[in-house]
All heavy atoms as atom14 arrays in JSON, in Angstrom:
{
  "sequence": "KNLPLASGLGGGSSDAATTLLALAELYPADVDLPALALHLGADVPFF",
  "atom14_mask": [
    [1, 1, 1, 1, 1, 1, 1, 1, 1, 0, 0, 0, 0, 0],
    [1, 1, 1, 1, 1, 1, 1, 1, 0, 0, 0, 0, 0, 0],
    [1, 1, 1, 1, 1, 1, 1, 1, 0, 0, 0, 0, 0, 0],
    [1, 1, 1, 1, 1, 1, 1, 0, 0, 0, 0, 0, 0, 0],
    [1, 1, 1, 1, 1, 1, 1, 1, 0, 0, 0, 0, 0, 0],
    [1, 1, 1, 1, 1, 0, 0, 0, 0, 0, 0, 0, 0, 0],
    [1, 1, 1, 1, 1, 1, 0, 0, 0, 0, 0, 0, 0, 0],
    [1, 1, 1, 1, 0, 0, 0, 0, 0, 0, 0, 0, 0, 0],
    [1, 1, 1, 1, 1, 1, 1, 1, 0, 0, 0, 0, 0, 0],
    [1, 1, 1, 1, 0, 0, 0, 0, 0, 0, 0, 0, 0, 0],
    [1, 1, 1, 1, 0, 0, 0, 0, 0, 0, 0, 0, 0, 0],
    [1, 1, 1, 1, 0, 0, 0, 0, 0, 0, 0, 0, 0, 0],
    [1, 1, 1, 1, 1, 1, 0, 0, 0, 0, 0, 0, 0, 0],
    [1, 1, 1, 1, 1, 1, 0, 0, 0, 0, 0, 0, 0, 0],
    [1, 1, 1, 1, 1, 1, 1, 1, 0, 0, 0, 0, 0, 0],
    [1, 1, 1, 1, 1, 0, 0, 0, 0, 0, 0, 0, 0, 0],
    [1, 1, 1, 1, 1, 0, 0, 0, 0, 0, 0, 0, 0, 0],
    [1, 1, 1, 1, 1, 1, 1, 0, 0, 0, 0, 0, 0, 0],
    [1, 1, 1, 1, 1, 1, 1, 0, 0, 0, 0, 0, 0, 0],
    [1, 1, 1, 1, 1, 1, 1, 1, 0, 0, 0, 0, 0, 0],
    [1, 1, 1, 1, 1, 1, 1, 1, 0, 0, 0, 0, 0, 0],
    [1, 1, 1, 1, 1, 0, 0, 0, 0, 0, 0, 0, 0, 0],
    [1, 1, 1, 1, 1, 1, 1, 1, 0, 0, 0, 0, 0, 0],
    [1, 1, 1, 1, 1, 0, 0, 0, 0, 0, 0, 0, 0, 0],
    [1, 1, 1, 1, 1, 1, 1, 1, 1, 0, 0, 0, 0, 0],
    [1, 1, 1, 1, 1, 1, 1, 1, 0, 0, 0, 0, 0, 0],
    [1, 1, 1, 1, 1, 1, 1, 1, 1, 1, 1, 1, 0, 0],
    [1, 1, 1, 1, 1, 1, 1, 0, 0, 0, 0, 0, 0, 0],
    [1, 1, 1, 1, 1, 0, 0, 0, 0, 0, 0, 0, 0, 0],
    [1, 1, 1, 1, 1, 1, 1, 1, 0, 0, 0, 0, 0, 0],
    [1, 1, 1, 1, 1, 1, 1, 0, 0, 0, 0, 0, 0, 0],
    [1, 1, 1, 1, 1, 1, 1, 1, 0, 0, 0, 0, 0, 0],
    [1, 1, 1, 1, 1, 1, 1, 1, 0, 0, 0, 0, 0, 0],
    [1, 1, 1, 1, 1, 1, 1, 0, 0, 0, 0, 0, 0, 0],
    [1, 1, 1, 1, 1, 0, 0, 0, 0, 0, 0, 0, 0, 0],
    [1, 1, 1, 1, 1, 1, 1, 1, 0, 0, 0, 0, 0, 0],
    [1, 1, 1, 1, 1, 0, 0, 0, 0, 0, 0, 0, 0, 0],
    [1, 1, 1, 1, 1, 1, 1, 1, 0, 0, 0, 0, 0, 0],
    [1, 1, 1, 1, 1, 1, 1, 1, 1, 1, 0, 0, 0, 0],
    [1, 1, 1, 1, 1, 1, 1, 1, 0, 0, 0, 0, 0, 0],
    [1, 1, 1, 1, 0, 0, 0, 0, 0, 0, 0, 0, 0, 0],
    [1, 1, 1, 1, 1, 0, 0, 0, 0, 0, 0, 0, 0, 0],
    [1, 1, 1, 1, 1, 1, 1, 1, 0, 0, 0, 0, 0, 0],
    [1, 1, 1, 1, 1, 1, 1, 0, 0, 0, 0, 0, 0, 0],
    [1, 1, 1, 1, 1, 1, 1, 0, 0, 0, 0, 0, 0, 0],
    [1, 1, 1, 1, 1, 1, 1, 1, 1, 1, 1, 0, 0, 0],
    [1, 1, 1, 1, 1, 1, 1, 1, 1, 1, 1, 0, 0, 0]
  ],
  "atom14_positions": [
    [[-85.12, 74.03, -90.77], [-83.72, 74.34, -90.76], [-83.44, 75.58, -91.64], [-83.53, 75.5, -92.94], [-82.84, 73.14, -91.24], [-81.39, 73.22, -90.86], [-81.13, 73.17, -89.41], [-79.7, 73.44, -89.03], [-79.5, 73.54, -87.56], [0.0, 0.0, 0.0], [0.0, 0.0, 0.0], [0.0, 0.0, 0.0], [0.0, 0.0, 0.0], [0.0, 0.0, 0.0]],
    [[-83.13, 76.65, -91.04], [-82.85, 77.93, -91.8], [-81.37, 78.24, -91.81], [-80.92, 78.93, -92.71], [-83.63, 79.1, -91.15], [-85.07, 78.84, -91.09], [-85.7, 78.35, -92.06], [-85.74, 79.15, -89.98], [0.0, 0.0, 0.0], [0.0, 0.0, 0.0], [0.0, 0.0, 0.0], [0.0, 0.0, 0.0], [0.0, 0.0, 0.0], [0.0, 0.0, 0.0]],
    [[-80.61, 77.76, -90.82], [-79.18, 78.12, -90.69], [-78.38, 77.12, -91.52], [-78.74, 75.98, -91.63], [-78.71, 78.05, -89.24], [-79.46, 79.05, -88.29], [-79.05, 78.72, -86.83], [-79.17, 80.44, -88.7], [0.0, 0.0, 0.0], [0.0, 0.0, 0.0], [0.0, 0.0, 0.0], [0.0, 0.0, 0.0], [0.0, 0.0, 0.0], [0.0, 0.0, 0.0]],
    [[-77.24, 77.61, -92.09], [-76.29, 76.69, -92.74], [-75.76, 75.58, -91.8], [-75.63, 75.86, -90.52], [-75.19, 77.51, -93.32], [-75.27, 78.78, -92.53], [-76.76, 78.95, -92.06], [0.0, 0.0, 0.0], [0.0, 0.0, 0.0], [0.0, 0.0, 0.0], [0.0, 0.0, 0.0], [0.0, 0.0, 0.0], [0.0, 0.0, 0.0], [0.0, 0.0, 0.0]],
    [[-75.38, 74.45, -92.22], [-74.92, 73.34, -91.41], [-73.36, 73.51, -91.09], [-72.68, 74.12, -91.91], [-75.04, 72.02, -92.14], [-76.52, 71.68, -92.57], [-76.56, 70.31, -93.26], [-77.47, 71.67, -91.39], [0.0, 0.0, 0.0], [0.0, 0.0, 0.0], [0.0, 0.0, 0.0], [0.0, 0.0, 0.0], [0.0, 0.0, 0.0], [0.0, 0.0, 0.0]],
    [[-72.96, 73.0, -89.93], [-71.57, 73.06, -89.52], [-70.98, 74.41, -89.75], [-69.96, 74.54, -90.39], [-70.78, 72.05, -90.31], [0.0, 0.0, 0.0], [0.0, 0.0, 0.0], [0.0, 0.0, 0.0], [0.0, 0.0, 0.0], [0.0, 0.0, 0.0], [0.0, 0.0, 0.0], [0.0, 0.0, 0.0], [0.0, 0.0, 0.0], [0.0, 0.0, 0.0]],
    [[-71.66, 75.46, -89.19], [-71.28, 76.82, -89.6], [-70.83, 77.64, -88.44], [-70.54, 78.84, -88.63], [-72.54, 77.52, -90.18], [-73.62, 77.51, -89.24], [0.0, 0.0, 0.0], [0.0, 0.0, 0.0], [0.0, 0.0, 0.0], [0.0, 0.0, 0.0], [0.0, 0.0, 0.0], [0.0, 0.0, 0.0], [0.0, 0.0, 0.0], [0.0, 0.0, 0.0]],
    [[-70.71, 77.11, -87.24], [-70.19, 77.89, -86.11], [-71.25, 78.83, -85.45], [-70.93, 79.63, -84.63], [0.0, 0.0, 0.0], [0.0, 0.0, 0.0], [0.0, 0.0, 0.0], [0.0, 0.0, 0.0], [0.0, 0.0, 0.0], [0.0, 0.0, 0.0], [0.0, 0.0, 0.0], [0.0, 0.0, 0.0], [0.0, 0.0, 0.0], [0.0, 0.0, 0.0]],
    [[-72.53, 78.58, -85.78], [-73.62, 79.34, -85.25], [-74.39, 78.61, -84.21], [-75.32, 79.13, -83.69], [-74.56, 79.81, -86.4], [-74.06, 80.74, -87.41], [-74.98, 80.95, -88.53], [-73.56, 82.06, -86.81], [0.0, 0.0, 0.0], [0.0, 0.0, 0.0], [0.0, 0.0, 0.0], [0.0, 0.0, 0.0], [0.0, 0.0, 0.0], [0.0, 0.0, 0.0]],
    [[-74.0, 77.38, -83.92], [-74.67, 76.59, -82.78], [-76.02, 76.17, -83.13], [-76.8, 75.83, -82.16], [0.0, 0.0, 0.0], [0.0, 0.0, 0.0], [0.0, 0.0, 0.0], [0.0, 0.0, 0.0], [0.0, 0.0, 0.0], [0.0, 0.0, 0.0], [0.0, 0.0, 0.0], [0.0, 0.0, 0.0], [0.0, 0.0, 0.0], [0.0, 0.0, 0.0]],
    [[-76.33, 76.0, -84.42], [-77.73, 75.64, -84.79], [-78.19, 74.29, -84.13], [-79.25, 74.25, -83.67], [0.0, 0.0, 0.0], [0.0, 0.0, 0.0], [0.0, 0.0, 0.0], [0.0, 0.0, 0.0], [0.0, 0.0, 0.0], [0.0, 0.0, 0.0], [0.0, 0.0, 0.0], [0.0, 0.0, 0.0], [0.0, 0.0, 0.0], [0.0, 0.0, 0.0]],
    [[-77.35, 73.3, -84.28], [-77.82, 72.02, -83.73], [-77.98, 72.05, -82.2], [-78.94, 71.43, -81.66], [0.0, 0.0, 0.0], [0.0, 0.0, 0.0], [0.0, 0.0, 0.0], [0.0, 0.0, 0.0], [0.0, 0.0, 0.0], [0.0, 0.0, 0.0], [0.0, 0.0, 0.0], [0.0, 0.0, 0.0], [0.0, 0.0, 0.0], [0.0, 0.0, 0.0]],
    [[-77.05, 72.75, -81.55], [-77.18, 72.84, -80.05], [-78.41, 73.71, -79.71], [-79.08, 73.35, -78.73], [-75.89, 73.55, -79.56], [-74.75, 72.74, -79.84], [0.0, 0.0, 0.0], [0.0, 0.0, 0.0], [0.0, 0.0, 0.0], [0.0, 0.0, 0.0], [0.0, 0.0, 0.0], [0.0, 0.0, 0.0], [0.0, 0.0, 0.0], [0.0, 0.0, 0.0]],
    [[-78.64, 74.7, -80.44], [-79.87, 75.49, -80.09], [-81.15, 74.77, -80.37], [-82.08, 74.85, -79.56], [-79.9, 76.79, -80.97], [-80.97, 77.63, -80.72], [0.0, 0.0, 0.0], [0.0, 0.0, 0.0], [0.0, 0.0, 0.0], [0.0, 0.0, 0.0], [0.0, 0.0, 0.0], [0.0, 0.0, 0.0], [0.0, 0.0, 0.0], [0.0, 0.0, 0.0]],
    [[-81.13, 73.96, -81.44], [-82.29, 73.14, -81.71], [-82.61, 72.12, -80.57], [-83.72, 71.91, -80.15], [-82.17, 72.36, -83.04], [-82.0, 73.28, -84.29], [-82.35, 74.4, -84.14], [-81.41, 72.79, -85.24], [0.0, 0.0, 0.0], [0.0, 0.0, 0.0], [0.0, 0.0, 0.0], [0.0, 0.0, 0.0], [0.0, 0.0, 0.0], [0.0, 0.0, 0.0]],
    [[-81.46, 71.56, -80.06], [-81.65, 70.59, -78.92], [-82.14, 71.26, -77.71], [-83.07, 70.78, -77.0], [-80.32, 69.92, -78.69], [0.0, 0.0, 0.0], [0.0, 0.0, 0.0], [0.0, 0.0, 0.0], [0.0, 0.0, 0.0], [0.0, 0.0, 0.0], [0.0, 0.0, 0.0], [0.0, 0.0, 0.0], [0.0, 0.0, 0.0], [0.0, 0.0, 0.0]],
    [[-81.52, 72.44, -77.36], [-81.93, 73.17, -76.17], [-83.4, 73.73, -76.27], [-84.16, 73.59, -75.31], [-81.02, 74.39, -75.92], [0.0, 0.0, 0.0], [0.0, 0.0, 0.0], [0.0, 0.0, 0.0], [0.0, 0.0, 0.0], [0.0, 0.0, 0.0], [0.0, 0.0, 0.0], [0.0, 0.0, 0.0], [0.0, 0.0, 0.0], [0.0, 0.0, 0.0]],
    [[-83.8, 74.1, -77.47], [-85.19, 74.55, -77.7], [-86.12, 73.41, -77.54], [-87.26, 73.57, -77.01], [-85.33, 75.18, -79.1], [-84.43, 76.28, -79.18], [-86.75, 75.69, -79.36], [0.0, 0.0, 0.0], [0.0, 0.0, 0.0], [0.0, 0.0, 0.0], [0.0, 0.0, 0.0], [0.0, 0.0, 0.0], [0.0, 0.0, 0.0], [0.0, 0.0, 0.0]],
    [[-85.68, 72.2, -77.98], [-86.56, 71.01, -77.75], [-86.75, 70.72, -76.27], [-87.9, 70.44, -75.82], [-85.87, 69.82, -78.43], [-85.75, 70.06, -79.88], [-86.74, 68.56, -78.22], [0.0, 0.0, 0.0], [0.0, 0.0, 0.0], [0.0, 0.0, 0.0], [0.0, 0.0, 0.0], [0.0, 0.0, 0.0], [0.0, 0.0, 0.0], [0.0, 0.0, 0.0]],
    [[-85.69, 70.85, -75.5], [-85.83, 70.63, -74.04], [-86.77, 71.64, -73.39], [-87.67, 71.29, -72.63], [-84.5, 70.71, -73.37], [-83.45, 69.62, -73.72], [-82.17, 69.91, -73.05], [-83.93, 68.27, -73.31], [0.0, 0.0, 0.0], [0.0, 0.0, 0.0], [0.0, 0.0, 0.0], [0.0, 0.0, 0.0], [0.0, 0.0, 0.0], [0.0, 0.0, 0.0]],
    [[-86.6, 72.92, -73.77], [-87.42, 73.96, -73.17], [-88.92, 73.76, -73.62], [-89.88, 73.97, -72.82], [-86.94, 75.38, -73.74], [-85.62, 75.76, -73.07], [-85.13, 77.07, -73.8], [-85.7, 76.07, -71.59], [0.0, 0.0, 0.0], [0.0, 0.0, 0.0], [0.0, 0.0, 0.0], [0.0, 0.0, 0.0], [0.0, 0.0, 0.0], [0.0, 0.0, 0.0]],
    [[-89.17, 73.42, -74.85], [-90.48, 73.24, -75.34], [-91.16, 72.01, -74.59], [-92.36, 72.09, -74.15], [-90.48, 72.93, -76.85], [0.0, 0.0, 0.0], [0.0, 0.0, 0.0], [0.0, 0.0, 0.0], [0.0, 0.0, 0.0], [0.0, 0.0, 0.0], [0.0, 0.0, 0.0], [0.0, 0.0, 0.0], [0.0, 0.0, 0.0], [0.0, 0.0, 0.0]],
    [[-90.41, 70.96, -74.36], [-91.01, 69.76, -73.72], [-91.26, 70.09, -72.26], [-92.16, 69.57, -71.69], [-90.04, 68.61, -73.89], [-90.15, 67.87, -75.21], [-88.97, 66.89, -75.41], [-91.45, 67.17, -75.29], [0.0, 0.0, 0.0], [0.0, 0.0, 0.0], [0.0, 0.0, 0.0], [0.0, 0.0, 0.0], [0.0, 0.0, 0.0], [0.0, 0.0, 0.0]],
    [[-90.44, 70.98, -71.68], [-90.67, 71.37, -70.3], [-92.0, 72.08, -70.12], [-92.57, 72.1, -69.06], [-89.53, 72.21, -69.79], [0.0, 0.0, 0.0], [0.0, 0.0, 0.0], [0.0, 0.0, 0.0], [0.0, 0.0, 0.0], [0.0, 0.0, 0.0], [0.0, 0.0, 0.0], [0.0, 0.0, 0.0], [0.0, 0.0, 0.0], [0.0, 0.0, 0.0]],
    [[-92.41, 72.77, -71.27], [-93.74, 73.42, -71.2], [-94.83, 72.45, -71.5], [-95.91, 72.46, -70.89], [-93.78, 74.49, -72.34], [-92.99, 75.75, -72.04], [-93.2, 76.81, -73.19], [-94.12, 76.68, -73.89], [-92.42, 77.72, -73.14], [0.0, 0.0, 0.0], [0.0, 0.0, 0.0], [0.0, 0.0, 0.0], [0.0, 0.0, 0.0], [0.0, 0.0, 0.0]],
    [[-94.61, 71.56, -72.47], [-95.65, 70.59, -72.87], [-95.89, 69.52, -71.81], [-97.05, 69.15, -71.51], [-95.24, 69.92, -74.15], [-95.27, 70.75, -75.43], [-94.68, 70.02, -76.62], [-96.7, 71.2, -75.74], [0.0, 0.0, 0.0], [0.0, 0.0, 0.0], [0.0, 0.0, 0.0], [0.0, 0.0, 0.0], [0.0, 0.0, 0.0], [0.0, 0.0, 0.0]],
    [[-94.72, 69.03, -71.18], [-94.83, 67.97, -70.19], [-94.03, 68.38, -68.96], [-92.94, 67.95, -68.75], [-94.31, 66.67, -70.75], [-94.94, 66.14, -71.98], [-94.31, 66.02, -73.18], [-96.33, 65.71, -71.88], [-95.01, 65.49, -74.27], [-96.96, 65.21, -73.02], [-96.31, 65.13, -74.21], [-96.97, 64.56, -75.32], [0.0, 0.0, 0.0], [0.0, 0.0, 0.0]],
    [[-94.53, 69.29, -68.18], [-93.8, 69.75, -67.03], [-93.47, 68.64, -66.03], [-94.31, 67.73, -65.79], [-94.85, 70.77, -66.32], [-95.78, 71.11, -67.38], [-95.89, 69.91, -68.25], [0.0, 0.0, 0.0], [0.0, 0.0, 0.0], [0.0, 0.0, 0.0], [0.0, 0.0, 0.0], [0.0, 0.0, 0.0], [0.0, 0.0, 0.0], [0.0, 0.0, 0.0]],
    [[-92.23, 68.63, -65.55], [-91.78, 67.59, -64.66], [-90.49, 68.1, -64.01], [-89.85, 69.04, -64.38], [-91.46, 66.31, -65.44], [0.0, 0.0, 0.0], [0.0, 0.0, 0.0], [0.0, 0.0, 0.0], [0.0, 0.0, 0.0], [0.0, 0.0, 0.0], [0.0, 0.0, 0.0], [0.0, 0.0, 0.0], [0.0, 0.0, 0.0], [0.0, 0.0, 0.0]],
    [[-90.15, 67.41, -62.91], [-88.95, 67.74, -62.16], [-87.72, 67.16, -62.78], [-87.23, 66.13, -62.45], [-89.08, 67.29, -60.71], [-87.89, 67.75, -59.87], [-87.18, 68.65, -60.26], [-87.63, 67.15, -58.76], [0.0, 0.0, 0.0], [0.0, 0.0, 0.0], [0.0, 0.0, 0.0], [0.0, 0.0, 0.0], [0.0, 0.0, 0.0], [0.0, 0.0, 0.0]],
    [[-87.23, 67.86, -63.88], [-86.14, 67.35, -64.72], [-85.01, 68.38, -64.69], [-85.26, 69.57, -64.72], [-86.65, 67.17, -66.18], [-85.43, 66.82, -67.06], [-87.62, 66.04, -66.24], [0.0, 0.0, 0.0], [0.0, 0.0, 0.0], [0.0, 0.0, 0.0], [0.0, 0.0, 0.0], [0.0, 0.0, 0.0], [0.0, 0.0, 0.0], [0.0, 0.0, 0.0]],
    [[-83.82, 67.88, -64.49], [-82.64, 68.8, -64.46], [-82.28, 69.1, -65.89], [-81.43, 68.41, -66.52], [-81.5, 68.0, -63.71], [-80.25, 68.91, -63.49], [-80.15, 70.0, -64.17], [-79.34, 68.54, -62.73], [0.0, 0.0, 0.0], [0.0, 0.0, 0.0], [0.0, 0.0, 0.0], [0.0, 0.0, 0.0], [0.0, 0.0, 0.0], [0.0, 0.0, 0.0]],
    [[-82.82, 70.2, -66.46], [-82.52, 70.51, -67.87], [-81.06, 70.79, -68.15], [-80.54, 70.34, -69.15], [-83.38, 71.72, -68.27], [-84.88, 71.5, -68.41], [-85.49, 72.76, -69.01], [-85.19, 70.33, -69.31], [0.0, 0.0, 0.0], [0.0, 0.0, 0.0], [0.0, 0.0, 0.0], [0.0, 0.0, 0.0], [0.0, 0.0, 0.0], [0.0, 0.0, 0.0]],
    [[-80.36, 71.56, -67.3], [-78.89, 71.79, -67.6], [-78.11, 70.56, -67.7], [-77.22, 70.42, -68.5], [-78.46, 72.73, -66.4], [-79.68, 73.38, -65.96], [-80.8, 72.46, -66.12], [0.0, 0.0, 0.0], [0.0, 0.0, 0.0], [0.0, 0.0, 0.0], [0.0, 0.0, 0.0], [0.0, 0.0, 0.0], [0.0, 0.0, 0.0], [0.0, 0.0, 0.0]],
    [[-78.39, 69.53, -66.81], [-77.68, 68.25, -66.86], [-77.94, 67.56, -68.14], [-77.07, 67.01, -68.79], [-78.05, 67.37, -65.63], [0.0, 0.0, 0.0], [0.0, 0.0, 0.0], [0.0, 0.0, 0.0], [0.0, 0.0, 0.0], [0.0, 0.0, 0.0], [0.0, 0.0, 0.0], [0.0, 0.0, 0.0], [0.0, 0.0, 0.0], [0.0, 0.0, 0.0]],
    [[-79.22, 67.51, -68.56], [-79.61, 66.85, -69.84], [-78.89, 67.58, -70.95], [-78.37, 66.95, -71.93], [-81.06, 66.9, -70.07], [-81.98, 65.91, -69.33], [-83.44, 66.03, -69.81], [-81.5, 64.47, -69.52], [0.0, 0.0, 0.0], [0.0, 0.0, 0.0], [0.0, 0.0, 0.0], [0.0, 0.0, 0.0], [0.0, 0.0, 0.0], [0.0, 0.0, 0.0]],
    [[-78.89, 68.95, -70.9], [-78.3, 69.7, -71.97], [-76.83, 69.47, -72.07], [-76.31, 69.23, -73.25], [-78.56, 71.22, -71.72], [0.0, 0.0, 0.0], [0.0, 0.0, 0.0], [0.0, 0.0, 0.0], [0.0, 0.0, 0.0], [0.0, 0.0, 0.0], [0.0, 0.0, 0.0], [0.0, 0.0, 0.0], [0.0, 0.0, 0.0], [0.0, 0.0, 0.0]],
    [[-76.06, 69.41, -71.01], [-74.64, 69.18, -71.08], [-74.31, 67.84, -71.61], [-73.35, 67.56, -72.3], [-74.09, 69.39, -69.68], [-72.54, 69.23, -69.54], [-71.83, 70.28, -70.47], [-71.99, 69.46, -68.11], [0.0, 0.0, 0.0], [0.0, 0.0, 0.0], [0.0, 0.0, 0.0], [0.0, 0.0, 0.0], [0.0, 0.0, 0.0], [0.0, 0.0, 0.0]],
    [[-75.13, 66.89, -71.29], [-74.95, 65.46, -71.81], [-75.1, 65.43, -73.26], [-74.41, 64.62, -73.98], [-75.98, 64.53, -71.12], [-75.76, 63.14, -71.55], [-74.62, 62.36, -71.11], [-76.47, 62.28, -72.37], [-74.75, 61.09, -71.62], [-75.85, 61.03, -72.38], [0.0, 0.0, 0.0], [0.0, 0.0, 0.0], [0.0, 0.0, 0.0], [0.0, 0.0, 0.0]],
    [[-75.87, 66.37, -73.89], [-76.12, 66.43, -75.32], [-74.96, 67.1, -76.01], [-74.64, 66.84, -77.2], [-77.44, 67.14, -75.62], [-78.7, 66.41, -75.26], [-79.89, 67.3, -75.24], [-78.93, 65.18, -76.1], [0.0, 0.0, 0.0], [0.0, 0.0, 0.0], [0.0, 0.0, 0.0], [0.0, 0.0, 0.0], [0.0, 0.0, 0.0], [0.0, 0.0, 0.0]],
    [[-74.37, 68.07, -75.39], [-73.22, 68.83, -75.97], [-72.82, 70.02, -75.2], [-73.63, 70.57, -74.48], [0.0, 0.0, 0.0], [0.0, 0.0, 0.0], [0.0, 0.0, 0.0], [0.0, 0.0, 0.0], [0.0, 0.0, 0.0], [0.0, 0.0, 0.0], [0.0, 0.0, 0.0], [0.0, 0.0, 0.0], [0.0, 0.0, 0.0], [0.0, 0.0, 0.0]],
    [[-71.63, 70.41, -75.41], [-70.99, 71.48, -74.54], [-71.72, 72.81, -74.71], [-71.79, 73.66, -73.79], [-69.52, 71.68, -74.81], [0.0, 0.0, 0.0], [0.0, 0.0, 0.0], [0.0, 0.0, 0.0], [0.0, 0.0, 0.0], [0.0, 0.0, 0.0], [0.0, 0.0, 0.0], [0.0, 0.0, 0.0], [0.0, 0.0, 0.0], [0.0, 0.0, 0.0]],
    [[-72.22, 73.08, -75.99], [-72.93, 74.39, -76.18], [-74.35, 74.42, -75.83], [-75.03, 75.49, -75.77], [-72.83, 74.8, -77.7], [-71.42, 75.33, -78.07], [-70.63, 75.6, -77.13], [-71.18, 75.56, -79.27], [0.0, 0.0, 0.0], [0.0, 0.0, 0.0], [0.0, 0.0, 0.0], [0.0, 0.0, 0.0], [0.0, 0.0, 0.0], [0.0, 0.0, 0.0]],
    [[-74.93, 73.23, -75.61], [-76.39, 73.14, -75.37], [-76.87, 74.0, -74.16], [-77.86, 74.64, -74.23], [-76.91, 71.73, -75.4], [-78.38, 71.62, -75.22], [-76.49, 71.02, -76.72], [0.0, 0.0, 0.0], [0.0, 0.0, 0.0], [0.0, 0.0, 0.0], [0.0, 0.0, 0.0], [0.0, 0.0, 0.0], [0.0, 0.0, 0.0], [0.0, 0.0, 0.0]],
    [[-76.16, 73.83, -73.01], [-76.64, 74.61, -71.81], [-76.8, 76.11, -72.05], [-77.69, 76.77, -71.47], [-75.57, 74.27, -70.77], [-75.02, 72.96, -71.16], [-75.03, 72.96, -72.68], [0.0, 0.0, 0.0], [0.0, 0.0, 0.0], [0.0, 0.0, 0.0], [0.0, 0.0, 0.0], [0.0, 0.0, 0.0], [0.0, 0.0, 0.0], [0.0, 0.0, 0.0]],
    [[-75.89, 76.66, -72.84], [-75.93, 78.13, -73.07], [-77.32, 78.48, -73.69], [-77.91, 79.48, -73.26], [-74.88, 78.52, -74.1], [-75.17, 79.89, -74.74], [-75.05, 81.02, -73.99], [-75.54, 79.96, -76.0], [-75.33, 82.27, -74.57], [-75.86, 81.17, -76.59], [-75.73, 82.3, -75.85], [0.0, 0.0, 0.0], [0.0, 0.0, 0.0], [0.0, 0.0, 0.0]],
    [[-77.84, 77.68, -74.57], [-79.13, 78.01, -75.26], [-80.29, 77.9, -74.3], [-81.4, 78.34, -74.71], [-79.23, 77.18, -76.52], [-78.33, 77.61, -77.65], [-77.24, 76.89, -77.96], [-78.61, 78.75, -78.31], [-76.32, 77.25, -78.95], [-77.72, 79.12, -79.44], [-76.6, 78.39, -79.68], [0.0, 0.0, 0.0], [0.0, 0.0, 0.0], [0.0, 0.0, 0.0]]
  ]
}
């Protein structure tokens, strides 16, 4: 964690999206990433 918390920079949302993208590389599967992202938070699909 390098970014300040609750700071308007989307850090938590970016961390979540990056986790999804990384897992899609590590464990490729037919998964709807945008749907999973939106379920996690409104900003997550952007990342």
